[in-house]
């Protein structure tokens, strides 16, 4: 899942989801992993709309993992 988070197709999604996965993926229980797997199947455009608050996630994506992603703030890595 970490690899898939960093290789979404758009660089913006790579940065957000890759950084999010690095920060939280190891701490997810089985349910969290299942919920994150569902998010990885979502199109980038839908995720961007949710992250930027243009639209709310549909009820089937209203999970703790989604709420954690929406609260996550990307910070570039120190070089």
PDB file of N, CA and C in Angstrom:
ATOM      1  N   UNK A   1       0.820  -1.187   0.000  1.00  0.00           N
ATOM      2  CA  UNK A   1       0.000   0.000   0.000  1.00  0.00           C
ATOM      3  C   UNK A   1       0.865   1.253   0.000  1.00  0.00           C
ATOM      4  N   UNK A   2       2.014   1.178   0.655  1.00  0.00           N
ATOM      5  CA  UNK A   2       2.900   2.341   0.653  1.00  0.00           C
ATOM      6  C   UNK A   2       3.359   2.647  -0.772  1.00  0.00           C
ATOM      7  N   UNK A   3       3.753   1.613  -1.501  1.00  0.00           N
ATOM      8  CA  UNK A   3       4.170   1.819  -2.886  1.00  0.00           C
ATOM      9  C   UNK A   3       3.039   2.428  -3.704  1.00  0.00           C
ATOM     10  N   UNK A   4       1.833   1.874  -3.579  1.00  0.00           N
ATOM     11  CA  UNK A   4       0.693   2.391  -4.330  1.00  0.00           C
ATOM     12  C   UNK A   4       0.360   3.821  -3.934  1.00  0.00           C
ATOM     13  N   UNK A   5       0.603   4.193  -2.695  1.00  0.00           N
ATOM     14  CA  UNK A   5       0.354   5.564  -2.247  1.00  0.00           C
ATOM     15  C   UNK A   5       1.297   6.545  -2.929  1.00  0.00           C
ATOM     16  N   UNK A   6       2.525   6.113  -3.164  1.00  0.00           N
ATOM     17  CA  UNK A   6       3.529   6.984  -3.788  1.00  0.00           C
ATOM     18  C   UNK A   6       3.459   6.960  -5.319  1.00  0.00           C
ATOM     19  N   UNK A   7       2.666   6.064  -5.884  1.00  0.00           N
ATOM     20  CA  UNK A   7       2.606   5.921  -7.349  1.00  0.00           C
ATOM     21  C   UNK A   7       1.156   5.943  -7.829  1.00  0.00           C
ATOM     22  N   UNK A   8       0.502   7.055  -7.616  1.00  0.00           N
ATOM     23  CA  UNK A   8      -0.910   7.220  -7.940  1.00  0.00           C
ATOM     24  C   UNK A   8      -1.141   7.568  -9.410  1.00  0.00           C
ATOM     25  N   UNK A   9      -0.285   8.340  -9.970  1.00  0.00           N
ATOM     26  CA  UNK A   9      -0.488   8.801 -11.340  1.00  0.00           C
ATOM     27  C   UNK A   9      -0.321  10.301 -11.456  1.00  0.00           C
ATOM     28  N   UNK A  10      -0.794  11.041 -10.458  1.00  0.00           N
ATOM     29  CA  UNK A  10      -0.532  12.477 -10.455  1.00  0.00           C
ATOM     30  C   UNK A  10       0.453  12.765  -9.324  1.00  0.00           C
ATOM     31  N   UNK A  11       1.339  13.653  -9.564  1.00  0.00           N
ATOM     32  CA  UNK A  11       2.370  13.953  -8.566  1.00  0.00           C
ATOM     33  C   UNK A  11       1.762  14.501  -7.276  1.00  0.00           C
ATOM     34  N   UNK A  12       0.731  15.288  -7.401  1.00  0.00           N
ATOM     35  CA  UNK A  12       0.087  15.850  -6.213  1.00  0.00           C
ATOM     36  C   UNK A  12      -0.473  14.749  -5.318  1.00  0.00           C
ATOM     37  N   UNK A  13      -1.146  13.780  -5.931  1.00  0.00           N
ATOM     38  CA  UNK A  13      -1.687  12.661  -5.152  1.00  0.00           C
ATOM     39  C   UNK A  13      -0.560  11.822  -4.569  1.00  0.00           C
ATOM     40  N   UNK A  14       0.512  11.639  -5.337  1.00  0.00           N
ATOM     41  CA  UNK A  14       1.672  10.902  -4.820  1.00  0.00           C
ATOM     42  C   UNK A  14       2.188  11.553  -3.541  1.00  0.00           C
ATOM     43  N   UNK A  15       2.355  12.857  -3.575  1.00  0.00           N
ATOM     44  CA  UNK A  15       2.905  13.565  -2.417  1.00  0.00           C
ATOM     45  C   UNK A  15       1.987  13.500  -1.202  1.00  0.00           C
ATOM     46  N   UNK A  16       0.708  13.703  -1.426  1.00  0.00           N
ATOM     47  CA  UNK A  16      -0.228  13.701  -0.299  1.00  0.00           C
ATOM     48  C   UNK A  16      -0.399  12.292   0.263  1.00  0.00           C
ATOM     49  N   UNK A  17      -0.769  11.345  -0.595  1.00  0.00           N
ATOM     50  CA  UNK A  17      -1.039   9.996  -0.100  1.00  0.00           C
ATOM     51  C   UNK A  17       0.235   9.273   0.329  1.00  0.00           C
ATOM     52  N   UNK A  18       1.329   9.505  -0.373  1.00  0.00           N
ATOM     53  CA  UNK A  18       2.589   8.879   0.031  1.00  0.00           C
ATOM     54  C   UNK A  18       3.035   9.359   1.400  1.00  0.00           C
ATOM     55  N   UNK A  19       2.977  10.645   1.612  1.00  0.00           N
ATOM     56  CA  UNK A  19       3.354  11.209   2.916  1.00  0.00           C
ATOM     57  C   UNK A  19       2.396  10.756   4.013  1.00  0.00           C
ATOM     58  N   UNK A  20       1.111  10.725   3.703  1.00  0.00           N
ATOM     59  CA  UNK A  20       0.107  10.261   4.658  1.00  0.00           C
ATOM     60  C   UNK A  20       0.389   8.805   5.037  1.00  0.00           C
ATOM     61  N   UNK A  21       0.633   7.975   4.052  1.00  0.00           N
ATOM     62  CA  UNK A  21       0.892   6.556   4.315  1.00  0.00           C
ATOM     63  C   UNK A  21       2.157   6.376   5.158  1.00  0.00           C
ATOM     64  N   UNK A  22       3.193   7.131   4.860  1.00  0.00           N
ATOM     65  CA  UNK A  22       4.405   7.039   5.677  1.00  0.00           C
ATOM     66  C   UNK A  22       4.133   7.415   7.125  1.00  0.00           C
ATOM     67  N   UNK A  23       3.267   8.372   7.331  1.00  0.00           N
ATOM     68  CA  UNK A  23       2.978   8.846   8.678  1.00  0.00           C
ATOM     69  C   UNK A  23       2.060   7.896   9.454  1.00  0.00           C
ATOM     70  N   UNK A  24       1.113   7.234   8.786  1.00  0.00           N
ATOM     71  CA  UNK A  24       0.056   6.526   9.511  1.00  0.00           C
ATOM     72  C   UNK A  24      -0.114   5.044   9.196  1.00  0.00           C
ATOM     73  N   UNK A  25       0.328   4.594   8.054  1.00  0.00           N
ATOM     74  CA  UNK A  25       0.017   3.242   7.610  1.00  0.00           C
ATOM     75  C   UNK A  25       0.435   2.164   8.613  1.00  0.00           C
ATOM     76  N   UNK A  26       1.601   2.277   9.175  1.00  0.00           N
ATOM     77  CA  UNK A  26       2.099   1.248  10.103  1.00  0.00           C
ATOM     78  C   UNK A  26       1.231   1.128  11.354  1.00  0.00           C
ATOM     79  N   UNK A  27       0.513   2.170  11.707  1.00  0.00           N
ATOM     80  CA  UNK A  27      -0.320   2.143  12.902  1.00  0.00           C
ATOM     81  C   UNK A  27      -1.752   1.692  12.675  1.00  0.00           C
ATOM     82  N   UNK A  28      -2.137   1.436  11.429  1.00  0.00           N
ATOM     83  CA  UNK A  28      -3.509   1.022  11.147  1.00  0.00           C
ATOM     84  C   UNK A  28      -3.743  -0.428  11.555  1.00  0.00           C
ATOM     85  N   UNK A  29      -4.910  -0.684  12.139  1.00  0.00           N
ATOM     86  CA  UNK A  29      -5.320  -2.062  12.415  1.00  0.00           C
ATOM     87  C   UNK A  29      -5.940  -2.619  11.125  1.00  0.00           C
ATOM     88  N   UNK A  30      -6.476  -3.838  11.199  1.00  0.00           N
ATOM     89  CA  UNK A  30      -7.037  -4.466   9.995  1.00  0.00           C
ATOM     90  C   UNK A  30      -8.149  -3.631   9.370  1.00  0.00           C
ATOM     91  N   UNK A  31      -9.010  -3.077  10.193  1.00  0.00           N
ATOM     92  CA  UNK A  31     -10.097  -2.244   9.659  1.00  0.00           C
ATOM     93  C   UNK A  31      -9.537  -0.991   8.991  1.00  0.00           C
ATOM     94  N   UNK A  32      -8.558  -0.357   9.621  1.00  0.00           N
ATOM     95  CA  UNK A  32      -7.935   0.822   9.030  1.00  0.00           C
ATOM     96  C   UNK A  32      -7.277   0.498   7.696  1.00  0.00           C
ATOM     97  N   UNK A  33      -6.620  -0.652   7.629  1.00  0.00           N
ATOM     98  CA  UNK A  33      -5.998  -1.060   6.364  1.00  0.00           C
ATOM     99  C   UNK A  33      -7.049  -1.297   5.289  1.00  0.00           C
ATOM    100  N   UNK A  34      -8.162  -1.919   5.659  1.00  0.00           N
ATOM    101  CA  UNK A  34      -9.248  -2.124   4.691  1.00  0.00           C
ATOM    102  C   UNK A  34      -9.806  -0.787   4.210  1.00  0.00           C
ATOM    103  N   UNK A  35      -9.994   0.139   5.143  1.00  0.00           N
ATOM    104  CA  UNK A  35     -10.517   1.462   4.777  1.00  0.00           C
ATOM    105  C   UNK A  35      -9.537   2.211   3.884  1.00  0.00           C
ATOM    106  N   UNK A  36      -8.252   2.094   4.183  1.00  0.00           N
ATOM    107  CA  UNK A  36      -7.254   2.781   3.348  1.00  0.00           C
ATOM    108  C   UNK A  36      -7.185   2.139   1.963  1.00  0.00           C
ATOM    109  N   UNK A  37      -7.331   0.832   1.904  1.00  0.00           N
ATOM    110  CA  UNK A  37      -7.361   0.135   0.614  1.00  0.00           C
ATOM    111  C   UNK A  37      -8.492   0.678  -0.254  1.00  0.00           C
ATOM    112  N   UNK A  38      -9.660   0.921   0.351  1.00  0.00           N
ATOM    113  CA  UNK A  38     -10.781   1.505  -0.392  1.00  0.00           C
ATOM    114  C   UNK A  38     -10.431   2.899  -0.907  1.00  0.00           C
ATOM    115  N   UNK A  39      -9.745   3.691  -0.087  1.00  0.00           N
ATOM    116  CA  UNK A  39      -9.349   5.035  -0.532  1.00  0.00           C
ATOM    117  C   UNK A  39      -8.395   4.964  -1.715  1.00  0.00           C
ATOM    118  N   UNK A  40      -7.489   4.000  -1.688  1.00  0.00           N
ATOM    119  CA  UNK A  40      -6.532   3.874  -2.791  1.00  0.00           C
ATOM    120  C   UNK A  40      -7.217   3.540  -4.110  1.00  0.00           C
ATOM    121  N   UNK A  41      -8.406   2.971  -4.036  1.00  0.00           N
ATOM    122  CA  UNK A  41      -9.146   2.644  -5.253  1.00  0.00           C
ATOM    123  C   UNK A  41      -9.912   3.841  -5.817  1.00  0.00           C
ATOM    124  N   UNK A  42      -9.995   4.919  -5.059  1.00  0.00           N
ATOM    125  CA  UNK A  42     -10.719   6.111  -5.504  1.00  0.00           C
ATOM    126  C   UNK A  42      -9.907   6.884  -6.535  1.00  0.00           C
ATOM    127  N   UNK A  43     -10.581   7.477  -7.499  1.00  0.00           N
ATOM    128  CA  UNK A  43      -9.881   8.337  -8.455  1.00  0.00           C
ATOM    129  C   UNK A  43      -9.273   9.560  -7.755  1.00  0.00           C
ATOM    130  N   UNK A  44      -8.135   9.999  -8.255  1.00  0.00           N
ATOM    131  CA  UNK A  44      -7.463  11.166  -7.682  1.00  0.00           C
ATOM    132  C   UNK A  44      -8.379  12.380  -7.637  1.00  0.00           C
ATOM    133  N   UNK A  45      -9.178  12.580  -8.681  1.00  0.00           N
ATOM    134  CA  UNK A  45     -10.059  13.755  -8.731  1.00  0.00           C
ATOM    135  C   UNK A  45     -11.041  13.759  -7.559  1.00  0.00           C
ATOM    136  N   UNK A  46     -11.574  12.598  -7.220  1.00  0.00           N
ATOM    137  CA  UNK A  46     -12.491  12.526  -6.073  1.00  0.00           C
ATOM    138  C   UNK A  46     -11.760  12.845  -4.774  1.00  0.00           C
ATOM    139  N   UNK A  47     -10.592  12.258  -4.608  1.00  0.00           N
ATOM    140  CA  UNK A  47      -9.810  12.522  -3.395  1.00  0.00           C
ATOM    141  C   UNK A  47      -9.477  14.004  -3.263  1.00  0.00           C
ATOM    142  N   UNK A  48      -9.079  14.634  -4.356  1.00  0.00           N
ATOM    143  CA  UNK A  48      -8.760  16.071  -4.311  1.00  0.00           C
ATOM    144  C   UNK A  48      -9.975  16.896  -3.920  1.00  0.00           C
ATOM    145  N   UNK A  49     -11.129  16.540  -4.450  1.00  0.00           N
ATOM    146  CA  UNK A  49     -12.349  17.269  -4.082  1.00  0.00           C
ATOM    147  C   UNK A  49     -12.624  17.141  -2.589  1.00  0.00           C
ATOM    148  N   UNK A  50     -12.393  15.972  -2.020  1.00  0.00           N
ATOM    149  CA  UNK A  50     -12.618  15.776  -0.586  1.00  0.00           C
ATOM    150  C   UNK A  50     -11.578  16.522   0.235  1.00  0.00           C
ATOM    151  N   UNK A  51     -10.312  16.411  -0.177  1.00  0.00           N
ATOM    152  CA  UNK A  51      -9.220  17.045   0.575  1.00  0.00           C
ATOM    153  C   UNK A  51      -9.350  18.563   0.559  1.00  0.00           C
ATOM    154  N   UNK A  52      -9.775  19.110  -0.569  1.00  0.00           N
ATOM    155  CA  UNK A  52      -9.920  20.574  -0.684  1.00  0.00           C
ATOM    156  C   UNK A  52     -11.289  21.062  -0.229  1.00  0.00           C
ATOM    157  N   UNK A  53     -12.113  20.140   0.241  1.00  0.00           N
ATOM    158  CA  UNK A  53     -13.439  20.447   0.783  1.00  0.00           C
ATOM    159  C   UNK A  53     -14.424  20.954  -0.277  1.00  0.00           C
ATOM    160  N   UNK A  54     -14.139  20.662  -1.541  1.00  0.00           N
ATOM    161  CA  UNK A  54     -15.095  21.019  -2.597  1.00  0.00           C
ATOM    162  C   UNK A  54     -16.355  20.176  -2.479  1.00  0.00           C
ATOM    163  N   UNK A  55     -16.169  18.915  -2.107  1.00  0.00           N
ATOM    164  CA  UNK A  55     -17.295  18.024  -1.854  1.00  0.00           C
ATOM    165  C   UNK A  55     -16.969  17.181  -0.632  1.00  0.00           C
ATOM    166  N   UNK A  56     -17.996  16.640  -0.029  1.00  0.00           N
ATOM    167  CA  UNK A  56     -17.808  15.741   1.117  1.00  0.00           C
ATOM    168  C   UNK A  56     -17.706  14.305   0.602  1.00  0.00           C
ATOM    169  N   UNK A  57     -16.931  13.495   1.285  1.00  0.00           N
ATOM    170  CA  UNK A  57     -16.881  12.086   0.878  1.00  0.00           C
ATOM    171  C   UNK A  57     -18.264  11.449   1.019  1.00  0.00           C
ATOM    172  N   UNK A  58     -18.604  10.537   0.134  1.00  0.00           N
ATOM    173  CA  UNK A  58     -19.884   9.842   0.275  1.00  0.00           C
ATOM    174  C   UNK A  58     -19.896   9.018   1.573  1.00  0.00           C
ATOM    175  N   UNK A  59     -21.073   8.670   2.053  1.00  0.00           N
ATOM    176  CA  UNK A  59     -21.174   7.958   3.332  1.00  0.00           C
ATOM    177  C   UNK A  59     -20.330   6.695   3.424  1.00  0.00           C
ATOM    178  N   UNK A  60     -20.176   5.971   2.329  1.00  0.00           N
ATOM    179  CA  UNK A  60     -19.386   4.735   2.382  1.00  0.00           C
ATOM    180  C   UNK A  60     -17.898   4.992   2.629  1.00  0.00           C
ATOM    181  N   UNK A  61     -17.457   6.238   2.486  1.00  0.00           N
ATOM    182  CA  UNK A  61     -16.072   6.597   2.771  1.00  0.00           C
ATOM    183  C   UNK A  61     -15.930   7.409   4.055  1.00  0.00           C
ATOM    184  N   UNK A  62     -16.995   7.536   4.806  1.00  0.00           N
ATOM    185  CA  UNK A  62     -16.951   8.271   6.068  1.00  0.00           C
ATOM    186  C   UNK A  62     -16.383   7.349   7.153  1.00  0.00           C
ATOM    187  N   UNK A  63     -15.053   7.280   7.186  1.00  0.00           N
ATOM    188  CA  UNK A  63     -14.351   6.404   8.123  1.00  0.00           C
ATOM    189  C   UNK A  63     -13.318   7.215   8.898  1.00  0.00           C
ATOM    190  N   UNK A  64     -12.783   6.611   9.932  1.00  0.00           N
ATOM    191  CA  UNK A  64     -11.721   7.270  10.697  1.00  0.00           C
ATOM    192  C   UNK A  64     -10.510   7.556   9.817  1.00  0.00           C
ATOM    193  N   UNK A  65     -10.203   6.641   8.913  1.00  0.00           N
ATOM    194  CA  UNK A  65      -9.048   6.827   8.027  1.00  0.00           C
ATOM    195  C   UNK A  65      -9.280   8.007   7.092  1.00  0.00           C
ATOM    196  N   UNK A  66     -10.466   8.119   6.534  1.00  0.00           N
ATOM    197  CA  UNK A  66     -10.767   9.250   5.657  1.00  0.00           C
ATOM    198  C   UNK A  66     -10.685  10.561   6.429  1.00  0.00           C
ATOM    199  N   UNK A  67     -11.247  10.582   7.619  1.00  0.00           N
ATOM    200  CA  UNK A  67     -11.186  11.813   8.427  1.00  0.00           C
ATOM    201  C   UNK A  67      -9.738  12.161   8.777  1.00  0.00           C
ATOM    202  N   UNK A  68      -8.912  11.147   9.030  1.00  0.00           N
ATOM    203  CA  UNK A  68      -7.498  11.383   9.306  1.00  0.00           C
ATOM    204  C   UNK A  68      -6.803  11.957   8.070  1.00  0.00           C
ATOM    205  N   UNK A  69      -7.119  11.412   6.908  1.00  0.00           N
ATOM    206  CA  UNK A  69      -6.542  11.937   5.665  1.00  0.00           C
ATOM    207  C   UNK A  69      -6.971  13.384   5.439  1.00  0.00           C
ATOM    208  N   UNK A  70      -8.235  13.688   5.676  1.00  0.00           N
ATOM    209  CA  UNK A  70      -8.720  15.054   5.446  1.00  0.00           C
ATOM    210  C   UNK A  70      -8.100  16.052   6.424  1.00  0.00           C
ATOM    211  N   UNK A  71      -7.691  15.595   7.579  1.00  0.00           N
ATOM    212  CA  UNK A  71      -7.043  16.472   8.560  1.00  0.00           C
ATOM    213  C   UNK A  71      -5.534  16.553   8.342  1.00  0.00           C
ATOM    214  N   UNK A  72      -4.988  15.646   7.531  1.00  0.00           N
ATOM    215  CA  UNK A  72      -3.544  15.582   7.292  1.00  0.00           C
ATOM    216  C   UNK A  72      -3.087  16.799   6.489  1.00  0.00           C
ATOM    217  N   UNK A  73      -1.947  17.324   6.843  1.00  0.00           N
ATOM    218  CA  UNK A  73      -1.372  18.437   6.102  1.00  0.00           C
ATOM    219  C   UNK A  73       0.012  18.031   5.608  1.00  0.00           C
ATOM    220  N   UNK A  74       0.163  18.026   4.287  1.00  0.00           N
ATOM    221  CA  UNK A  74       1.428  17.654   3.670  1.00  0.00           C
ATOM    222  C   UNK A  74       2.513  18.648   4.041  1.00  0.00           C
ATOM    223  N   UNK A  75       3.655  18.124   4.384  1.00  0.00           N
ATOM    224  CA  UNK A  75       4.850  18.947   4.628  1.00  0.00           C
ATOM    225  C   UNK A  75       6.003  18.333   3.852  1.00  0.00           C
ATOM    226  N   UNK A  76       6.671  19.105   3.015  1.00  0.00           N
ATOM    227  CA  UNK A  76       7.798  18.552   2.260  1.00  0.00           C
ATOM    228  C   UNK A  76       8.857  17.999   3.198  1.00  0.00           C
ATOM    229  N   UNK A  77       9.515  16.962   2.732  1.00  0.00           N
ATOM    230  CA  UNK A  77      10.613  16.372   3.491  1.00  0.00           C
ATOM    231  C   UNK A  77      11.782  17.329   3.541  1.00  0.00           C
ATOM    232  N   UNK A  78      12.484  17.316   4.655  1.00  0.00           N
ATOM    233  CA  UNK A  78      13.706  18.111   4.762  1.00  0.00           C
ATOM    234  C   UNK A  78      14.775  17.432   3.922  1.00  0.00           C
ATOM    235  N   UNK A  79      15.550  18.236   3.199  1.00  0.00           N
ATOM    236  CA  UNK A  79      16.611  17.658   2.365  1.00  0.00           C
ATOM    237  C   UNK A  79      17.965  17.887   2.959  1.00  0.00           C
TER     238      UNK A  79
END
